Each structure stands twice: as structure tokens, then as C-alpha cells.
Amino acid sequence: MFGEDKIAEQLAAARAELSAAAQAQAVAPPEPVTVENEKGRIRITVGTDGRLQELMVSARAIRDGSDDLGPELMRLVNEALDKHREHTVTDEPVPDLGAINEKFAEMQDRSLRNFAAMSQQISETMAKLQNRAG
């Protein structure tokens, strides 16, 4: 049978893992997303923060004519933003690991109190049995 210290140690280790996972979930950025037009004359990168990181328009793209440049830039920016969103949004519900960790802490405290009370009752019962036998 586990002792109170062993149970407390296991619960603390589990809480530490949950806390680390919650921090990793909060700070893990997606990768930057880069898109180019088919001729490679326009390149757009959306950074991990979701903001435009790079906008490269070659001289050739400008010489091709400005009539198509605006719509092509808009199309590529939207494509990059859509790809960035695909990396950051999931259809799966994401658990709130911080809230889980808080509940786990409450459960740990309650469990340890209950375990201590149960140990106390067992000790008292054993003492009463020894007094009767003696």
C-alpha cells in the first residue's frame, strides 16, 4: 500500500507535467507560412505571430504591369493567411490545461486531507484494539 508521501509525490509529478504542457501549449507558435506566385516573382511570408513578415515583389513582377499586381498581392496574402490559420486552428476542442491543473490541485489537496484523516482513524482504531487486547 502506498504511503501518504508516495501519493503526494506522484500527484505533484502529474501536476508538474500538466503545468509544463499548458506552458508549451501557450507559447508554441506555428511555423511561418510562405507562398509564391507561379512565376516566383512575388513571395509573401506570414510570421508565427500571424503578421506579414515578408513581402517580396521582384522588378519583373512590376514590369509585367500594375493592373494584375494588386489583385495578385491580395490573392497571395489571403492564401498565406489561410494557410497560417490552418496551422493554428483545429476542429478538435483544445483542453484548457491550466484549468485542468487547478482542478487537479484541488483534488490533490482534498485527497491528501482525506488520506491523512483515514490514516488517523486507522491509527486510533489500532490503538483501541491494542488497549482492549492488553
C-alpha atoms as a PDB file:
ATOM      1  CA  MET A   1       0.000   0.000   0.000  1.00  0.00           C
ATOM      2  CA  PHE A   2       1.290   3.463  -0.846  1.00  0.00           C
ATOM      3  CA  GLY A   3       2.187   5.877   1.870  1.00  0.00           C
ATOM      4  CA  GLU A   4       0.977   9.464   2.008  1.00  0.00           C
ATOM      5  CA  ASP A   5       4.380  10.770   0.851  1.00  0.00           C
ATOM      6  CA  LYS A   6       4.408   8.489  -2.192  1.00  0.00           C
ATOM      7  CA  ILE A   7       0.910   9.588  -3.229  1.00  0.00           C
ATOM      8  CA  ALA A   8       1.812  13.258  -2.753  1.00  0.00           C
ATOM      9  CA  GLU A   9       4.947  12.734  -4.845  1.00  0.00           C
ATOM     10  CA  GLN A  10       3.002  11.110  -7.692  1.00  0.00           C
ATOM     11  CA  LEU A  11       0.327  13.821  -7.661  1.00  0.00           C
ATOM     12  CA  ALA A  12       2.967  16.567  -7.658  1.00  0.00           C
ATOM     13  CA  ALA A  13       4.721  14.934 -10.633  1.00  0.00           C
ATOM     14  CA  ALA A  14       1.454  14.716 -12.560  1.00  0.00           C
ATOM     15  CA  ARG A  15       0.694  18.375 -11.806  1.00  0.00           C
ATOM     16  CA  ALA A  16       4.184  19.389 -12.968  1.00  0.00           C
ATOM     17  CA  GLU A  17       3.629  17.589 -16.275  1.00  0.00           C
ATOM     18  CA  LEU A  18       0.258  19.301 -16.738  1.00  0.00           C
ATOM     19  CA  SER A  19       1.791  22.681 -15.965  1.00  0.00           C
ATOM     20  CA  ALA A  20       4.606  22.126 -18.471  1.00  0.00           C
ATOM     21  CA  ALA A  21       2.112  21.035 -21.134  1.00  0.00           C
ATOM     22  CA  ALA A  22      -0.023  24.130 -20.503  1.00  0.00           C
ATOM     23  CA  GLN A  23       3.015  26.392 -20.914  1.00  0.00           C
ATOM     24  CA  ALA A  24       4.085  24.598 -24.096  1.00  0.00           C
ATOM     25  CA  GLN A  25       0.556  24.918 -25.472  1.00  0.00           C
ATOM     26  CA  ALA A  26       0.511  28.656 -24.750  1.00  0.00           C
ATOM     27  CA  VAL A  27       3.910  29.523 -26.251  1.00  0.00           C
ATOM     28  CA  ALA A  28       4.283  27.063 -29.127  1.00  0.00           C
ATOM     29  CA  PRO A  29       3.873  29.200 -32.248  1.00  0.00           C
ATOM     30  CA  PRO A  30       3.066  27.750 -35.645  1.00  0.00           C
ATOM     31  CA  GLU A  31       5.718  27.821 -38.335  1.00  0.00           C
ATOM     32  CA  PRO A  32       5.945  30.830 -40.680  1.00  0.00           C
ATOM     33  CA  VAL A  33       3.979  30.337 -43.903  1.00  0.00           C
ATOM     34  CA  THR A  34       5.440  31.359 -47.260  1.00  0.00           C
ATOM     35  CA  VAL A  35       3.568  31.455 -50.570  1.00  0.00           C
ATOM     36  CA  GLU A  36       4.750  32.465 -54.053  1.00  0.00           C
ATOM     37  CA  ASN A  37       3.036  33.131 -57.317  1.00  0.00           C
ATOM     38  CA  GLU A  38       3.581  30.605 -60.082  1.00  0.00           C
ATOM     39  CA  LYS A  39       6.467  32.579 -61.648  1.00  0.00           C
ATOM     40  CA  GLY A  40       8.204  33.100 -58.288  1.00  0.00           C
ATOM     41  CA  ARG A  41       8.170  36.875 -58.775  1.00  0.00           C
ATOM     42  CA  ILE A  42       6.076  37.583 -55.684  1.00  0.00           C
ATOM     43  CA  ARG A  43       6.728  35.949 -52.304  1.00  0.00           C
ATOM     44  CA  ILE A  44       4.791  36.555 -49.098  1.00  0.00           C
ATOM     45  CA  THR A  45       5.554  35.192 -45.641  1.00  0.00           C
ATOM     46  CA  VAL A  46       3.239  35.334 -42.656  1.00  0.00           C
ATOM     47  CA  GLY A  47       5.198  35.005 -39.404  1.00  0.00           C
ATOM     48  CA  THR A  48       4.426  32.912 -36.373  1.00  0.00           C
ATOM     49  CA  ASP A  49       2.561  35.858 -34.846  1.00  0.00           C
ATOM     50  CA  GLY A  50       0.124  35.975 -37.791  1.00  0.00           C
ATOM     51  CA  ARG A  51       1.511  39.232 -39.133  1.00  0.00           C
ATOM     52  CA  LEU A  52       3.094  39.865 -42.515  1.00  0.00           C
ATOM     53  CA  GLN A  53       6.786  39.057 -42.170  1.00  0.00           C
ATOM     54  CA  GLU A  54       7.974  39.362 -45.773  1.00  0.00           C
ATOM     55  CA  LEU A  55       6.608  40.871 -48.952  1.00  0.00           C
ATOM     56  CA  MET A  56       8.937  40.434 -51.912  1.00  0.00           C
ATOM     57  CA  VAL A  57       7.932  41.802 -55.309  1.00  0.00           C
ATOM     58  CA  SER A  58      10.594  41.442 -57.985  1.00  0.00           C
ATOM     59  CA  ALA A  59      11.279  44.111 -60.583  1.00  0.00           C
ATOM     60  CA  ARG A  60       9.983  41.692 -63.221  1.00  0.00           C
ATOM     61  CA  ALA A  61       6.603  41.454 -61.483  1.00  0.00           C
ATOM     62  CA  ILE A  62       6.349  45.241 -61.559  1.00  0.00           C
ATOM     63  CA  ARG A  63       7.359  45.357 -65.226  1.00  0.00           C
ATOM     64  CA  ASP A  64       4.663  42.781 -66.022  1.00  0.00           C
ATOM     65  CA  GLY A  65       2.151  45.522 -65.298  1.00  0.00           C
ATOM     66  CA  SER A  66       0.444  47.048 -62.344  1.00  0.00           C
ATOM     67  CA  ASP A  67      -3.059  46.027 -63.419  1.00  0.00           C
ATOM     68  CA  ASP A  68      -2.535  42.469 -62.183  1.00  0.00           C
ATOM     69  CA  LEU A  69      -0.177  43.302 -59.329  1.00  0.00           C
ATOM     70  CA  GLY A  70      -2.778  44.464 -56.780  1.00  0.00           C
ATOM     71  CA  PRO A  71      -5.155  41.515 -57.228  1.00  0.00           C
ATOM     72  CA  GLU A  72      -2.230  39.061 -57.242  1.00  0.00           C
ATOM     73  CA  LEU A  73      -0.853  40.527 -53.988  1.00  0.00           C
ATOM     74  CA  MET A  74      -4.276  40.289 -52.361  1.00  0.00           C
ATOM     75  CA  ARG A  75      -4.697  36.697 -53.503  1.00  0.00           C
ATOM     76  CA  LEU A  76      -1.292  35.678 -52.165  1.00  0.00           C
ATOM     77  CA  VAL A  77      -1.733  37.491 -48.840  1.00  0.00           C
ATOM     78  CA  ASN A  78      -5.100  35.784 -48.341  1.00  0.00           C
ATOM     79  CA  GLU A  79      -3.618  32.414 -49.297  1.00  0.00           C
ATOM     80  CA  ALA A  80      -0.793  32.869 -46.774  1.00  0.00           C
ATOM     81  CA  LEU A  81      -3.226  33.949 -44.048  1.00  0.00           C
ATOM     82  CA  ASP A  82      -5.475  30.960 -44.782  1.00  0.00           C
ATOM     83  CA  LYS A  83      -2.521  28.563 -44.549  1.00  0.00           C
ATOM     84  CA  HIS A  84      -1.382  30.179 -41.305  1.00  0.00           C
ATOM     85  CA  ARG A  85      -4.889  29.789 -39.880  1.00  0.00           C
ATOM     86  CA  GLU A  86      -4.921  26.101 -40.872  1.00  0.00           C
ATOM     87  CA  HIS A  87      -1.853  25.578 -38.676  1.00  0.00           C
ATOM     88  CA  THR A  88      -3.301  27.417 -35.693  1.00  0.00           C
ATOM     89  CA  VAL A  89      -6.958  26.385 -35.762  1.00  0.00           C
ATOM     90  CA  THR A  90      -8.201  22.895 -35.143  1.00  0.00           C
ATOM     91  CA  ASP A  91     -11.644  21.382 -35.280  1.00  0.00           C
ATOM     92  CA  GLU A  92     -10.772  19.404 -32.177  1.00  0.00           C
ATOM     93  CA  PRO A  93     -11.636  21.030 -28.861  1.00  0.00           C
ATOM     94  CA  VAL A  94      -8.439  22.057 -27.101  1.00  0.00           C
ATOM     95  CA  PRO A  95      -8.483  21.375 -23.379  1.00  0.00           C
ATOM     96  CA  ASP A  96      -7.666  24.222 -21.016  1.00  0.00           C
ATOM     97  CA  LEU A  97      -4.676  22.638 -19.337  1.00  0.00           C
ATOM     98  CA  GLY A  98      -4.418  25.462 -16.828  1.00  0.00           C
ATOM     99  CA  ALA A  99      -7.963  24.832 -15.611  1.00  0.00           C
ATOM    100  CA  ILE A 100      -7.322  21.098 -15.509  1.00  0.00           C
ATOM    101  CA  ASN A 101      -4.198  21.716 -13.441  1.00  0.00           C
ATOM    102  CA  GLU A 102      -6.166  23.882 -10.980  1.00  0.00           C
ATOM    103  CA  LYS A 103      -8.814  21.179 -10.575  1.00  0.00           C
ATOM    104  CA  PHE A 104      -6.070  18.616 -10.162  1.00  0.00           C
ATOM    105  CA  ALA A 105      -4.506  20.751  -7.388  1.00  0.00           C
ATOM    106  CA  GLU A 106      -7.857  20.908  -5.606  1.00  0.00           C
ATOM    107  CA  MET A 107      -8.244  17.153  -5.959  1.00  0.00           C
ATOM    108  CA  GLN A 108      -4.703  16.632  -4.670  1.00  0.00           C
ATOM    109  CA  ASP A 109      -5.313  18.764  -1.590  1.00  0.00           C
ATOM    110  CA  ARG A 110      -8.649  17.071  -0.871  1.00  0.00           C
ATOM    111  CA  SER A 111      -7.167  13.604  -1.403  1.00  0.00           C
ATOM    112  CA  LEU A 112      -4.253  14.251   0.912  1.00  0.00           C
ATOM    113  CA  ARG A 113      -6.564  15.609   3.612  1.00  0.00           C
ATOM    114  CA  ASN A 114      -8.799  12.552   3.245  1.00  0.00           C
ATOM    115  CA  PHE A 115      -5.792  10.240   3.303  1.00  0.00           C
ATOM    116  CA  ALA A 116      -4.492  11.912   6.476  1.00  0.00           C
ATOM    117  CA  ALA A 117      -7.912  11.638   8.136  1.00  0.00           C
ATOM    118  CA  MET A 118      -8.186   7.993   7.122  1.00  0.00           C
ATOM    119  CA  SER A 119      -4.689   7.268   8.470  1.00  0.00           C
ATOM    120  CA  GLN A 120      -5.605   8.997  11.734  1.00  0.00           C
ATOM    121  CA  GLN A 121      -8.770   6.899  12.061  1.00  0.00           C
ATOM    122  CA  ILE A 122      -6.856   3.703  11.348  1.00  0.00           C
ATOM    123  CA  SER A 123      -4.260   4.634  13.968  1.00  0.00           C
ATOM    124  CA  GLU A 124      -6.965   5.396  16.534  1.00  0.00           C
ATOM    125  CA  THR A 125      -8.740   2.125  15.769  1.00  0.00           C
ATOM    126  CA  MET A 126      -5.498   0.163  16.060  1.00  0.00           C
ATOM    127  CA  ALA A 127      -4.735   1.861  19.378  1.00  0.00           C
ATOM    128  CA  LYS A 128      -8.217   0.978  20.720  1.00  0.00           C
ATOM    129  CA  LEU A 129      -7.769  -2.635  19.609  1.00  0.00           C
ATOM    130  CA  GLN A 130      -4.380  -2.827  21.313  1.00  0.00           C
ATOM    131  CA  ASN A 131      -5.845  -1.344  24.529  1.00  0.00           C
ATOM    132  CA  ARG A 132      -8.597  -3.996  24.552  1.00  0.00           C
ATOM    133  CA  ALA A 133      -6.143  -6.786  23.892  1.00  0.00           C
ATOM    134  CA  GLY A 134      -3.709  -5.545  26.547  1.00  0.00           C
END
